[in-house]
PDB file of N, CA and C in Angstrom:
ATOM      1  N   MET A   1     206.032 177.252 194.237  1.00  0.00           N
ATOM      2  CA  MET A   1     206.362 177.588 192.862  1.00  0.00           C
ATOM      3  C   MET A   1     207.406 178.655 192.853  1.00  0.00           C
ATOM      4  N   GLN A   2     208.488 178.508 192.078  1.00  0.00           N
ATOM      5  CA  GLN A   2     209.530 179.567 192.038  1.00  0.00           C
ATOM      6  C   GLN A   2     208.965 180.769 191.208  1.00  0.00           C
ATOM      7  N   GLU A   3     209.391 181.935 191.691  1.00  0.00           N
ATOM      8  CA  GLU A   3     208.947 183.204 191.018  1.00  0.00           C
ATOM      9  C   GLU A   3     209.363 183.159 189.623  1.00  0.00           C
ATOM     10  N   GLN A   4     208.399 183.532 188.690  1.00  0.00           N
ATOM     11  CA  GLN A   4     208.665 183.664 187.331  1.00  0.00           C
ATOM     12  C   GLN A   4     208.452 185.106 186.892  1.00  0.00           C
ATOM     13  N   TRP A   5     209.309 185.507 185.946  1.00  0.00           N
ATOM     14  CA  TRP A   5     209.269 186.880 185.425  1.00  0.00           C
ATOM     15  C   TRP A   5     208.822 186.942 183.983  1.00  0.00           C
ATOM     16  N   HIS A   6     208.197 187.920 183.580  1.00  0.00           N
ATOM     17  CA  HIS A   6     207.843 188.240 182.151  1.00  0.00           C
ATOM     18  C   HIS A   6     207.975 189.679 181.822  1.00  0.00           C
ATOM     19  N   LEU A   7     208.258 189.990 180.594  1.00  0.00           N
ATOM     20  CA  LEU A   7     208.269 191.401 180.168  1.00  0.00           C
ATOM     21  C   LEU A   7     206.816 191.883 180.126  1.00  0.00           C
ATOM     22  N   SER A   8     206.603 193.088 180.630  1.00  0.00           N
ATOM     23  CA  SER A   8     205.224 193.610 180.791  1.00  0.00           C
ATOM     24  C   SER A   8     204.568 193.722 179.439  1.00  0.00           C
ATOM     25  N   ASP A   9     205.302 193.887 178.346  1.00  0.00           N
ATOM     26  CA  ASP A   9     204.746 194.011 176.988  1.00  0.00           C
ATOM     27  C   ASP A   9     204.795 192.766 176.152  1.00  0.00           C
ATOM     28  N   GLN A  10     205.151 191.645 176.764  1.00  0.00           N
ATOM     29  CA  GLN A  10     205.156 190.348 176.014  1.00  0.00           C
ATOM     30  C   GLN A  10     204.673 189.201 176.913  1.00  0.00           C
ATOM     31  N   PRO A  11     203.955 188.285 176.305  1.00  0.00           N
ATOM     32  CA  PRO A  11     203.466 187.114 177.107  1.00  0.00           C
ATOM     33  C   PRO A  11     204.630 186.109 177.379  1.00  0.00           C
ATOM     34  N   GLY A  12     204.404 185.317 178.290  1.00  0.00           N
ATOM     35  CA  GLY A  12     205.294 184.215 178.555  1.00  0.00           C
ATOM     36  C   GLY A  12     206.461 184.565 179.452  1.00  0.00           C
ATOM     37  N   PRO A  13     206.996 183.636 180.159  1.00  0.00           N
ATOM     38  CA  PRO A  13     208.109 183.839 181.051  1.00  0.00           C
ATOM     39  C   PRO A  13     209.353 184.126 180.328  1.00  0.00           C
ATOM     40  N   VAL A  14     210.249 184.890 181.009  1.00  0.00           N
ATOM     41  CA  VAL A  14     211.600 185.119 180.478  1.00  0.00           C
ATOM     42  C   VAL A  14     212.547 184.537 181.459  1.00  0.00           C
ATOM     43  N   GLU A  15     213.557 183.855 180.923  1.00  0.00           N
ATOM     44  CA  GLU A  15     214.581 183.232 181.787  1.00  0.00           C
ATOM     45  C   GLU A  15     215.832 184.081 181.978  1.00  0.00           C
ATOM     46  N   ALA A  16     216.502 183.912 183.045  1.00  0.00           N
ATOM     47  CA  ALA A  16     217.724 184.749 183.348  1.00  0.00           C
ATOM     48  C   ALA A  16     218.694 184.538 182.254  1.00  0.00           C
ATOM     49  N   ASP A  17     218.839 183.384 181.652  1.00  0.00           N
ATOM     50  CA  ASP A  17     219.880 183.182 180.628  1.00  0.00           C
ATOM     51  C   ASP A  17     219.653 183.908 179.342  1.00  0.00           C
ATOM     52  N   VAL A  18     218.444 184.462 179.153  1.00  0.00           N
ATOM     53  CA  VAL A  18     218.125 185.186 177.890  1.00  0.00           C
ATOM     54  C   VAL A  18     217.820 186.652 178.124  1.00  0.00           C
ATOM     55  N   ILE A  19     217.652 187.041 179.379  1.00  0.00           N
ATOM     56  CA  ILE A  19     217.203 188.409 179.712  1.00  0.00           C
ATOM     57  C   ILE A  19     218.234 189.410 179.235  1.00  0.00           C
ATOM     58  N   VAL A  20     219.593 189.074 179.332  1.00  0.00           N
ATOM     59  CA  VAL A  20     220.559 190.022 178.983  1.00  0.00           C
ATOM     60  C   VAL A  20     220.478 190.356 177.430  1.00  0.00           C
ATOM     61  N   ALA A  21     220.418 189.263 176.681  1.00  0.00           N
ATOM     62  CA  ALA A  21     220.314 189.490 175.190  1.00  0.00           C
ATOM     63  C   ALA A  21     219.015 190.211 174.825  1.00  0.00           C
ATOM     64  N   THR A  22     217.961 189.916 175.573  1.00  0.00           N
ATOM     65  CA  THR A  22     216.672 190.525 175.273  1.00  0.00           C
ATOM     66  C   THR A  22     216.804 192.057 175.560  1.00  0.00           C
ATOM     67  N   ILE A  23     217.345 192.437 176.667  1.00  0.00           N
ATOM     68  CA  ILE A  23     217.485 193.860 177.004  1.00  0.00           C
ATOM     69  C   ILE A  23     218.488 194.596 176.049  1.00  0.00           C
ATOM     70  N   GLU A  24     219.575 193.917 175.712  1.00  0.00           N
ATOM     71  CA  GLU A  24     220.473 194.510 174.729  1.00  0.00           C
ATOM     72  C   GLU A  24     219.838 194.754 173.377  1.00  0.00           C
ATOM     73  N   ARG A  25     219.004 193.850 172.949  1.00  0.00           N
ATOM     74  CA  ARG A  25     218.300 194.010 171.732  1.00  0.00           C
ATOM     75  C   ARG A  25     217.269 195.137 171.801  1.00  0.00           C
ATOM     76  N   ARG A  26     216.538 195.221 172.903  1.00  0.00           N
ATOM     77  CA  ARG A  26     215.553 196.223 173.054  1.00  0.00           C
ATOM     78  C   ARG A  26     216.248 197.684 173.017  1.00  0.00           C
ATOM     79  N   VAL A  27     217.357 197.773 173.764  1.00  0.00           N
ATOM     80  CA  VAL A  27     218.101 199.019 173.777  1.00  0.00           C
ATOM     81  C   VAL A  27     218.576 199.446 172.422  1.00  0.00           C
ATOM     82  N   SER A  28     219.157 198.440 171.724  1.00  0.00           N
ATOM     83  CA  SER A  28     219.723 198.696 170.396  1.00  0.00           C
ATOM     84  C   SER A  28     218.596 199.131 169.418  1.00  0.00           C
ATOM     85  N   GLN A  29     217.352 198.729 169.694  1.00  0.00           N
ATOM     86  CA  GLN A  29     216.219 199.131 168.866  1.00  0.00           C
ATOM     87  C   GLN A  29     215.565 200.419 169.384  1.00  0.00           C
ATOM     88  N   GLY A  30     216.130 200.995 170.476  1.00  0.00           N
ATOM     89  CA  GLY A  30     215.558 202.248 170.924  1.00  0.00           C
ATOM     90  C   GLY A  30     214.547 202.108 172.050  1.00  0.00           C
ATOM     91  N   THR A  31     214.302 200.957 172.527  1.00  0.00           N
ATOM     92  CA  THR A  31     213.446 200.747 173.681  1.00  0.00           C
ATOM     93  C   THR A  31     214.287 200.814 174.948  1.00  0.00           C
ATOM     94  N   MET A  32     214.271 202.037 175.575  1.00  0.00           N
ATOM     95  CA  MET A  32     215.156 202.317 176.662  1.00  0.00           C
ATOM     96  C   MET A  32     214.618 201.996 178.037  1.00  0.00           C
ATOM     97  N   THR A  33     213.311 201.771 178.109  1.00  0.00           N
ATOM     98  CA  THR A  33     212.682 201.414 179.374  1.00  0.00           C
ATOM     99  C   THR A  33     212.083 200.011 179.172  1.00  0.00           C
ATOM    100  N   THR A  34     212.332 199.193 180.183  1.00  0.00           N
ATOM    101  CA  THR A  34     211.789 197.814 180.216  1.00  0.00           C
ATOM    102  C   THR A  34     211.181 197.560 181.590  1.00  0.00           C
ATOM    103  N   TRP A  35     209.974 196.975 181.582  1.00  0.00           N
ATOM    104  CA  TRP A  35     209.362 196.578 182.829  1.00  0.00           C
ATOM    105  C   TRP A  35     209.187 195.068 182.833  1.00  0.00           C
ATOM    106  N   LEU A  36     209.537 194.418 183.966  1.00  0.00           N
ATOM    107  CA  LEU A  36     209.296 192.980 184.145  1.00  0.00           C
ATOM    108  C   LEU A  36     208.390 192.850 185.254  1.00  0.00           C
ATOM    109  N   GLU A  37     207.450 191.879 185.192  1.00  0.00           N
ATOM    110  CA  GLU A  37     206.461 191.606 186.301  1.00  0.00           C
ATOM    111  C   GLU A  37     206.733 190.180 186.689  1.00  0.00           C
ATOM    112  N   SER A  38     206.544 189.918 187.994  1.00  0.00           N
ATOM    113  CA  SER A  38     206.734 188.664 188.480  1.00  0.00           C
ATOM    114  C   SER A  38     205.389 187.914 188.849  1.00  0.00           C
ATOM    115  N   SER A  39     205.451 186.646 189.001  1.00  0.00           N
ATOM    116  CA  SER A  39     204.292 185.811 189.445  1.00  0.00           C
ATOM    117  C   SER A  39     203.957 186.152 190.858  1.00  0.00           C
ATOM    118  N   ARG A  40     204.811 186.840 191.577  1.00  0.00           N
ATOM    119  CA  ARG A  40     204.532 187.135 192.988  1.00  0.00           C
ATOM    120  C   ARG A  40     204.078 188.599 193.141  1.00  0.00           C
ATOM    121  N   GLY A  41     203.873 189.241 191.974  1.00  0.00           N
ATOM    122  CA  GLY A  41     203.344 190.689 192.043  1.00  0.00           C
ATOM    123  C   GLY A  41     204.476 191.705 192.150  1.00  0.00           C
ATOM    124  N   ARG A  42     205.664 191.361 192.021  1.00  0.00           N
ATOM    125  CA  ARG A  42     206.759 192.366 192.100  1.00  0.00           C
ATOM    126  C   ARG A  42     207.036 192.857 190.663  1.00  0.00           C
ATOM    127  N   THR A  43     207.733 194.068 190.543  1.00  0.00           N
ATOM    128  CA  THR A  43     208.114 194.522 189.252  1.00  0.00           C
ATOM    129  C   THR A  43     209.585 195.003 189.264  1.00  0.00           C
ATOM    130  N   ILE A  44     210.209 194.950 188.147  1.00  0.00           N
ATOM    131  CA  ILE A  44     211.564 195.513 187.960  1.00  0.00           C
ATOM    132  C   ILE A  44     211.443 196.513 186.826  1.00  0.00           C
ATOM    133  N   SER A  45     212.040 197.595 187.050  1.00  0.00           N
ATOM    134  CA  SER A  45     212.184 198.666 186.025  1.00  0.00           C
ATOM    135  C   SER A  45     213.606 198.822 185.682  1.00  0.00           C
ATOM    136  N   LEU A  46     213.898 198.848 184.377  1.00  0.00           N
ATOM    137  CA  LEU A  46     215.234 199.147 183.872  1.00  0.00           C
ATOM    138  C   LEU A  46     215.100 200.261 182.871  1.00  0.00           C
ATOM    139  N   VAL A  47     215.722 201.426 183.188  1.00  0.00           N
ATOM    140  CA  VAL A  47     215.714 202.544 182.308  1.00  0.00           C
ATOM    141  C   VAL A  47     217.142 202.902 181.951  1.00  0.00           C
ATOM    142  N   SER A  48     217.401 202.976 180.663  1.00  0.00           N
ATOM    143  CA  SER A  48     218.846 203.125 180.199  1.00  0.00           C
ATOM    144  C   SER A  48     218.953 204.338 179.381  1.00  0.00           C
ATOM    145  N   ASN A  49     220.242 204.804 179.244  1.00  0.00           N
ATOM    146  CA  ASN A  49     220.567 205.809 178.301  1.00  0.00           C
ATOM    147  C   ASN A  49     221.588 205.206 177.270  1.00  0.00           C
ATOM    148  N   GLY A  50     221.762 203.877 177.318  1.00  0.00           N
ATOM    149  CA  GLY A  50     222.654 203.102 176.467  1.00  0.00           C
ATOM    150  C   GLY A  50     223.933 202.760 177.158  1.00  0.00           C
ATOM    151  N   SER A  51     224.486 203.684 178.038  1.00  0.00           N
ATOM    152  CA  SER A  51     225.740 203.367 178.751  1.00  0.00           C
ATOM    153  C   SER A  51     225.552 203.117 180.212  1.00  0.00           C
ATOM    154  N   ARG A  52     224.457 203.684 180.780  1.00  0.00           N
ATOM    155  CA  ARG A  52     224.164 203.495 182.203  1.00  0.00           C
ATOM    156  C   ARG A  52     222.655 203.099 182.236  1.00  0.00           C
ATOM    157  N   ALA A  53     222.302 202.554 183.408  1.00  0.00           N
ATOM    158  CA  ALA A  53     220.865 202.186 183.647  1.00  0.00           C
ATOM    159  C   ALA A  53     220.510 202.364 185.102  1.00  0.00           C
ATOM    160  N   MET A  54     219.248 202.693 185.252  1.00  0.00           N
ATOM    161  CA  MET A  54     218.707 202.679 186.628  1.00  0.00           C
ATOM    162  C   MET A  54     217.882 201.296 186.716  1.00  0.00           C
ATOM    163  N   VAL A  55     218.197 200.512 187.742  1.00  0.00           N
ATOM    164  CA  VAL A  55     217.478 199.287 187.943  1.00  0.00           C
ATOM    165  C   VAL A  55     216.752 199.399 189.309  1.00  0.00           C
ATOM    166  N   VAL A  56     215.391 199.264 189.222  1.00  0.00           N
ATOM    167  CA  VAL A  56     214.600 199.461 190.436  1.00  0.00           C
ATOM    168  C   VAL A  56     213.733 198.203 190.600  1.00  0.00           C
ATOM    169  N   LEU A  57     213.650 197.725 191.845  1.00  0.00           N
ATOM    170  CA  LEU A  57     212.791 196.584 192.251  1.00  0.00           C
ATOM    171  C   LEU A  57     211.704 197.203 193.098  1.00  0.00           C
ATOM    172  N   LEU A  58     210.477 196.854 192.741  1.00  0.00           N
ATOM    173  CA  LEU A  58     209.261 197.306 193.510  1.00  0.00           C
ATOM    174  C   LEU A  58     208.491 196.104 194.023  1.00  0.00           C
ATOM    175  N   GLU A  59     208.050 196.304 195.215  1.00  0.00           N
ATOM    176  CA  GLU A  59     207.255 195.160 195.885  1.00  0.00           C
ATOM    177  C   GLU A  59     205.767 195.430 195.429  1.00  0.00           C
ATOM    178  N   HIS A  60     204.836 194.692 196.061  1.00  0.00           N
ATOM    179  CA  HIS A  60     203.496 194.505 195.701  1.00  0.00           C
ATOM    180  C   HIS A  60     202.605 195.806 195.714  1.00  0.00           C
ATOM    181  N   SER A  61     202.904 196.676 196.673  1.00  0.00           N
ATOM    182  CA  SER A  61     201.936 197.769 196.948  1.00  0.00           C
ATOM    183  C   SER A  61     202.185 198.937 195.979  1.00  0.00           C
ATOM    184  N   ASP A  62     201.090 199.596 195.609  1.00  0.00           N
ATOM    185  CA  ASP A  62     201.183 200.802 194.866  1.00  0.00           C
ATOM    186  C   ASP A  62     201.874 201.855 195.726  1.00  0.00           C
ATOM    187  N   GLY A  63     202.658 202.668 195.144  1.00  0.00           N
ATOM    188  CA  GLY A  63     203.438 203.703 195.872  1.00  0.00           C
ATOM    189  C   GLY A  63     204.639 203.242 196.612  1.00  0.00           C
ATOM    190  N   ASP A  64     205.003 201.987 196.427  1.00  0.00           N
ATOM    191  CA  ASP A  64     206.214 201.484 196.967  1.00  0.00           C
ATOM    192  C   ASP A  64     207.432 202.221 196.447  1.00  0.00           C
ATOM    193  N   PRO A  65     208.287 202.903 197.306  1.00  0.00           N
ATOM    194  CA  PRO A  65     209.393 203.513 196.760  1.00  0.00           C
ATOM    195  C   PRO A  65     210.459 202.637 196.271  1.00  0.00           C
ATOM    196  N   GLY A  66     210.407 201.368 196.699  1.00  0.00           N
ATOM    197  CA  GLY A  66     211.220 200.357 196.150  1.00  0.00           C
ATOM    198  C   GLY A  66     212.720 200.368 196.684  1.00  0.00           C
ATOM    199  N   GLU A  67     213.561 199.769 195.833  1.00  0.00           N
ATOM    200  CA  GLU A  67     215.013 199.667 196.105  1.00  0.00           C
ATOM    201  C   GLU A  67     215.709 199.703 194.771  1.00  0.00           C
ATOM    202  N   HIS A  68     216.886 200.114 194.670  1.00  0.00           N
ATOM    203  CA  HIS A  68     217.588 200.266 193.429  1.00  0.00           C
ATOM    204  C   HIS A  68     219.119 200.035 193.514  1.00  0.00           C
ATOM    205  N   ALA A  69     219.644 199.727 192.334  1.00  0.00           N
ATOM    206  CA  ALA A  69     221.103 199.527 192.198  1.00  0.00           C
ATOM    207  C   ALA A  69     221.779 200.957 192.288  1.00  0.00           C
ATOM    208  N   ILE A  70     222.904 200.983 192.945  1.00  0.00           N
ATOM    209  CA  ILE A  70     223.621 202.249 193.111  1.00  0.00           C
ATOM    210  C   ILE A  70     225.062 202.073 192.668  1.00  0.00           C
ATOM    211  N   ASP A  71     225.756 203.205 192.360  1.00  0.00           N
ATOM    212  CA  ASP A  71     227.117 203.293 192.098  1.00  0.00           C
ATOM    213  C   ASP A  71     227.758 204.240 193.102  1.00  0.00           C
ATOM    214  N   PRO A  72     228.265 203.737 194.242  1.00  0.00           N
ATOM    215  CA  PRO A  72     228.758 204.592 195.262  1.00  0.00           C
ATOM    216  C   PRO A  72     229.934 205.504 194.699  1.00  0.00           C
ATOM    217  N   ALA A  73     230.601 205.091 193.746  1.00  0.00           N
ATOM    218  CA  ALA A  73     231.705 205.936 193.130  1.00  0.00           C
ATOM    219  C   ALA A  73     231.235 206.834 192.038  1.00  0.00           C
ATOM    220  N   GLY A  74     229.933 206.803 191.759  1.00  0.00           N
ATOM    221  CA  GLY A  74     229.418 207.695 190.704  1.00  0.00           C
ATOM    222  C   GLY A  74     229.474 209.120 191.067  1.00  0.00           C
ATOM    223  N   ALA A  75     230.003 209.925 190.092  1.00  0.00           N
ATOM    224  CA  ALA A  75     230.091 211.417 190.325  1.00  0.00           C
ATOM    225  C   ALA A  75     229.359 212.119 189.182  1.00  0.00           C
ATOM    226  N   GLY A  76     228.656 213.137 189.565  1.00  0.00           N
ATOM    227  CA  GLY A  76     228.014 213.908 188.509  1.00  0.00           C
ATOM    228  C   GLY A  76     226.629 213.311 188.170  1.00  0.00           C
ATOM    229  N   SER A  77     226.171 213.564 186.995  1.00  0.00           N
ATOM    230  CA  SER A  77     224.960 213.003 186.531  1.00  0.00           C
ATOM    231  C   SER A  77     225.061 212.653 184.976  1.00  0.00           C
ATOM    232  N   SER A  78     224.054 211.856 184.554  1.00  0.00           N
ATOM    233  CA  SER A  78     224.035 211.493 183.134  1.00  0.00           C
ATOM    234  C   SER A  78     222.681 211.744 182.700  1.00  0.00           C
ATOM    235  N   GLY A  79     222.522 212.070 181.400  1.00  0.00           N
ATOM    236  CA  GLY A  79     221.178 212.309 180.764  1.00  0.00           C
ATOM    237  C   GLY A  79     220.937 211.293 179.731  1.00  0.00           C
ATOM    238  N   GLY A  80     219.766 211.478 179.074  1.00  0.00           N
ATOM    239  CA  GLY A  80     219.405 210.626 178.015  1.00  0.00           C
ATOM    240  C   GLY A  80     218.590 209.395 178.430  1.00  0.00           C
ATOM    241  N   PHE A  81     218.084 209.354 179.678  1.00  0.00           N
ATOM    242  CA  PHE A  81     217.298 208.197 180.062  1.00  0.00           C
ATOM    243  C   PHE A  81     215.811 208.470 179.557  1.00  0.00           C
ATOM    244  N   VAL A  82     215.396 207.652 178.598  1.00  0.00           N
ATOM    245  CA  VAL A  82     214.114 207.863 177.884  1.00  0.00           C
ATOM    246  C   VAL A  82     213.071 206.976 178.560  1.00  0.00           C
ATOM    247  N   LEU A  83     212.078 207.624 179.104  1.00  0.00           N
ATOM    248  CA  LEU A  83     210.940 206.966 179.735  1.00  0.00           C
ATOM    249  C   LEU A  83     209.915 206.557 178.685  1.00  0.00           C
ATOM    250  N   GLU A  84     209.023 205.686 179.083  1.00  0.00           N
ATOM    251  CA  GLU A  84     208.000 205.193 178.104  1.00  0.00           C
ATOM    252  C   GLU A  84     207.168 206.294 177.518  1.00  0.00           C
ATOM    253  N   ASN A  85     206.956 207.381 178.269  1.00  0.00           N
ATOM    254  CA  ASN A  85     206.071 208.433 177.765  1.00  0.00           C
ATOM    255  C   ASN A  85     206.892 209.474 176.894  1.00  0.00           C
ATOM    256  N   GLY A  86     208.173 209.147 176.629  1.00  0.00           N
ATOM    257  CA  GLY A  86     209.016 210.019 175.801  1.00  0.00           C
ATOM    258  C   GLY A  86     209.813 211.027 176.587  1.00  0.00           C
ATOM    259  N   GLN A  87     209.463 211.207 177.848  1.00  0.00           N
ATOM    260  CA  GLN A  87     210.262 212.116 178.738  1.00  0.00           C
ATOM    261  C   GLN A  87     211.733 211.647 178.764  1.00  0.00           C
ATOM    262  N   VAL A  88     212.581 212.612 178.763  1.00  0.00           N
ATOM    263  CA  VAL A  88     214.025 212.228 178.804  1.00  0.00           C
ATOM    264  C   VAL A  88     214.523 212.898 180.150  1.00  0.00           C
ATOM    265  N   ASP A  89     215.078 211.946 181.007  1.00  0.00           N
ATOM    266  CA  ASP A  89     215.512 212.425 182.318  1.00  0.00           C
ATOM    267  C   ASP A  89     217.038 212.366 182.486  1.00  0.00           C
ATOM    268  N   ASP A  90     217.561 213.118 183.453  1.00  0.00           N
ATOM    269  CA  ASP A  90     218.871 213.020 183.993  1.00  0.00           C
ATOM    270  C   ASP A  90     218.814 212.394 185.319  1.00  0.00           C
ATOM    271  N   TYR A  91     219.852 211.568 185.641  1.00  0.00           N
ATOM    272  CA  TYR A  91     219.868 210.968 186.950  1.00  0.00           C
ATOM    273  C   TYR A  91     221.308 211.102 187.467  1.00  0.00           C
ATOM    274  N   PRO A  92     221.453 211.261 188.764  1.00  0.00           N
ATOM    275  CA  PRO A  92     222.743 211.219 189.433  1.00  0.00           C
ATOM    276  C   PRO A  92     223.430 209.864 189.124  1.00  0.00           C
ATOM    277  N   ASP A  93     224.723 209.916 188.826  1.00  0.00           N
ATOM    278  CA  ASP A  93     225.445 208.678 188.547  1.00  0.00           C
ATOM    279  C   ASP A  93     225.449 207.751 189.690  1.00  0.00           C
ATOM    280  N   GLN A  94     225.286 208.255 190.883  1.00  0.00           N
ATOM    281  CA  GLN A  94     225.222 207.361 192.131  1.00  0.00           C
ATOM    282  C   GLN A  94     223.925 206.487 192.034  1.00  0.00           C
ATOM    283  N   ASP A  95     222.817 206.944 191.409  1.00  0.00           N
ATOM    284  CA  ASP A  95     221.651 206.275 191.338  1.00  0.00           C
ATOM    285  C   ASP A  95     221.516 205.354 190.064  1.00  0.00           C
ATOM    286  N   THR A  96     222.528 205.285 189.278  1.00  0.00           N
ATOM    287  CA  THR A  96     222.560 204.448 188.077  1.00  0.00           C
ATOM    288  C   THR A  96     223.847 203.630 188.132  1.00  0.00           C
ATOM    289  N   VAL A  97     223.868 202.638 187.234  1.00  0.00           N
ATOM    290  CA  VAL A  97     225.124 201.804 187.202  1.00  0.00           C
ATOM    291  C   VAL A  97     225.492 201.635 185.755  1.00  0.00           C
ATOM    292  N   PRO A  98     226.698 201.262 185.433  1.00  0.00           N
ATOM    293  CA  PRO A  98     227.083 200.955 184.081  1.00  0.00           C
ATOM    294  C   PRO A  98     226.204 199.884 183.485  1.00  0.00           C
ATOM    295  N   MET A  99     225.880 199.895 182.218  1.00  0.00           N
ATOM    296  CA  MET A  99     224.959 198.960 181.607  1.00  0.00           C
ATOM    297  C   MET A  99     225.311 197.505 181.864  1.00  0.00           C
ATOM    298  N   GLU A 100     226.587 197.187 181.791  1.00  0.00           N
ATOM    299  CA  GLU A 100     227.024 195.816 182.002  1.00  0.00           C
ATOM    300  C   GLU A 100     226.699 195.338 183.401  1.00  0.00           C
ATOM    301  N   GLU A 101     226.819 196.216 184.392  1.00  0.00           N
ATOM    302  CA  GLU A 101     226.453 195.905 185.750  1.00  0.00           C
ATOM    303  C   GLU A 101     224.965 195.779 185.942  1.00  0.00           C
ATOM    304  N   ALA A 102     224.251 196.662 185.287  1.00  0.00           N
ATOM    305  CA  ALA A 102     222.741 196.612 185.305  1.00  0.00           C
ATOM    306  C   ALA A 102     222.233 195.241 184.741  1.00  0.00           C
ATOM    307  N   LEU A 103     222.816 194.815 183.654  1.00  0.00           N
ATOM    308  CA  LEU A 103     222.440 193.574 183.157  1.00  0.00           C
ATOM    309  C   LEU A 103     222.774 192.342 184.000  1.00  0.00           C
ATOM    310  N   ARG A 104     223.925 192.443 184.648  1.00  0.00           N
ATOM    311  CA  ARG A 104     224.293 191.374 185.615  1.00  0.00           C
ATOM    312  C   ARG A 104     223.317 191.344 186.740  1.00  0.00           C
ATOM    313  N   ILE A 105     223.041 192.503 187.296  1.00  0.00           N
ATOM    314  CA  ILE A 105     222.017 192.621 188.444  1.00  0.00           C
ATOM    315  C   ILE A 105     220.624 192.081 187.936  1.00  0.00           C
ATOM    316  N   LEU A 106     220.207 192.504 186.756  1.00  0.00           N
ATOM    317  CA  LEU A 106     218.915 192.043 186.311  1.00  0.00           C
ATOM    318  C   LEU A 106     218.828 190.609 186.101  1.00  0.00           C
ATOM    319  N   ALA A 107     219.865 189.989 185.489  1.00  0.00           N
ATOM    320  CA  ALA A 107     219.856 188.531 185.352  1.00  0.00           C
ATOM    321  C   ALA A 107     219.781 187.809 186.703  1.00  0.00           C
ATOM    322  N   HIS A 108     220.503 188.377 187.726  1.00  0.00           N
ATOM    323  CA  HIS A 108     220.389 187.685 189.018  1.00  0.00           C
ATOM    324  C   HIS A 108     219.043 187.853 189.722  1.00  0.00           C
ATOM    325  N   LEU A 109     218.507 189.084 189.524  1.00  0.00           N
ATOM    326  CA  LEU A 109     217.122 189.265 190.028  1.00  0.00           C
ATOM    327  C   LEU A 109     216.125 188.292 189.422  1.00  0.00           C
ATOM    328  N   VAL A 110     216.215 188.046 188.159  1.00  0.00           N
ATOM    329  CA  VAL A 110     215.318 187.152 187.411  1.00  0.00           C
ATOM    330  C   VAL A 110     215.602 185.718 187.901  1.00  0.00           C
ATOM    331  N   ALA A 111     216.864 185.338 188.064  1.00  0.00           N
ATOM    332  CA  ALA A 111     217.166 183.974 188.446  1.00  0.00           C
ATOM    333  C   ALA A 111     216.928 183.703 189.994  1.00  0.00           C
ATOM    334  N   GLU A 112     217.211 184.697 190.797  1.00  0.00           N
ATOM    335  CA  GLU A 112     217.250 184.440 192.311  1.00  0.00           C
ATOM    336  C   GLU A 112     216.163 185.254 193.027  1.00  0.00           C
ATOM    337  N   GLY A 113     215.690 186.320 192.464  1.00  0.00           N
ATOM    338  CA  GLY A 113     214.677 187.142 193.188  1.00  0.00           C
ATOM    339  C   GLY A 113     215.298 188.178 194.060  1.00  0.00           C
ATOM    340  N   VAL A 114     216.646 188.244 194.163  1.00  0.00           N
ATOM    341  CA  VAL A 114     217.360 189.258 194.971  1.00  0.00           C
ATOM    342  C   VAL A 114     218.548 189.717 194.153  1.00  0.00           C
ATOM    343  N   PRO A 115     218.988 190.923 194.501  1.00  0.00           N
ATOM    344  CA  PRO A 115     220.202 191.361 193.759  1.00  0.00           C
ATOM    345  C   PRO A 115     221.406 190.521 194.163  1.00  0.00           C
ATOM    346  N   PRO A 116     222.480 190.495 193.397  1.00  0.00           N
ATOM    347  CA  PRO A 116     223.689 189.806 193.761  1.00  0.00           C
ATOM    348  C   PRO A 116     224.256 190.335 195.050  1.00  0.00           C
ATOM    349  N   SER A 117     224.803 189.471 195.885  1.00  0.00           N
ATOM    350  CA  SER A 117     225.341 189.970 197.202  1.00  0.00           C
ATOM    351  C   SER A 117     226.452 190.993 197.093  1.00  0.00           C
ATOM    352  N   ASP A 118     227.180 190.976 195.905  1.00  0.00           N
ATOM    353  CA  ASP A 118     228.204 191.992 195.756  1.00  0.00           C
ATOM    354  C   ASP A 118     227.805 193.241 195.057  1.00  0.00           C
ATOM    355  N   ALA A 119     226.507 193.369 194.746  1.00  0.00           N
ATOM    356  CA  ALA A 119     226.013 194.577 194.074  1.00  0.00           C
ATOM    357  C   ALA A 119     225.722 195.651 195.062  1.00  0.00           C
ATOM    358  N   SER A 120     226.011 196.860 194.751  1.00  0.00           N
ATOM    359  CA  SER A 120     225.631 197.999 195.620  1.00  0.00           C
ATOM    360  C   SER A 120     224.188 198.290 195.411  1.00  0.00           C
ATOM    361  N   TRP A 121     223.471 198.307 196.558  1.00  0.00           N
ATOM    362  CA  TRP A 121     222.016 198.309 196.488  1.00  0.00           C
ATOM    363  C   TRP A 121     221.545 199.235 197.613  1.00  0.00           C
ATOM    364  N   GLN A 122     220.466 200.011 197.296  1.00  0.00           N
ATOM    365  CA  GLN A 122     219.851 200.905 198.296  1.00  0.00           C
ATOM    366  C   GLN A 122     218.403 200.620 198.350  1.00  0.00           C
ATOM    367  N   VAL A 123     217.980 200.449 199.675  1.00  0.00           N
ATOM    368  CA  VAL A 123     216.521 200.223 199.897  1.00  0.00           C
ATOM    369  C   VAL A 123     215.989 201.581 200.230  1.00  0.00           C
ATOM    370  N   ASP A 124     214.862 202.051 199.572  1.00  0.00           N
ATOM    371  CA  ASP A 124     214.324 203.318 199.621  1.00  0.00           C
ATOM    372  C   ASP A 124     213.090 203.414 200.490  1.00  0.00           C
ATOM    373  N   ARG A 125     212.706 202.356 201.105  1.00  0.00           N
ATOM    374  CA  ARG A 125     211.508 202.208 201.921  1.00  0.00           C
ATOM    375  C   ARG A 125     211.671 202.880 203.209  1.00  0.00           C
TER     376      ARG A 125
END
């Protein structure tokens, strides 16, 4: 069976062709953190400040440091990343990507289970 993804706060699978619109709607409504869970036990976290996002893929085990999208040309840091608990974080721009790139990566992860081959990606394990 192919891996299926669903939003952690909604039932039913989400398809790659609608995930971008779903995330854009959530961010426009002020939901800056989205978690997706897979049928194989993996999770994706997307935390945004509206213009940039941190995209993290976690494997099955608790405490997995995971892997994440990076921007090798990123300089400085950006703030306004709102976590589910209301905490607002700053992240180095190298550890986040522009929102458009984050959505492209997320759609590919949902469709293929891996980041696009041309995406900058860091394994933190």
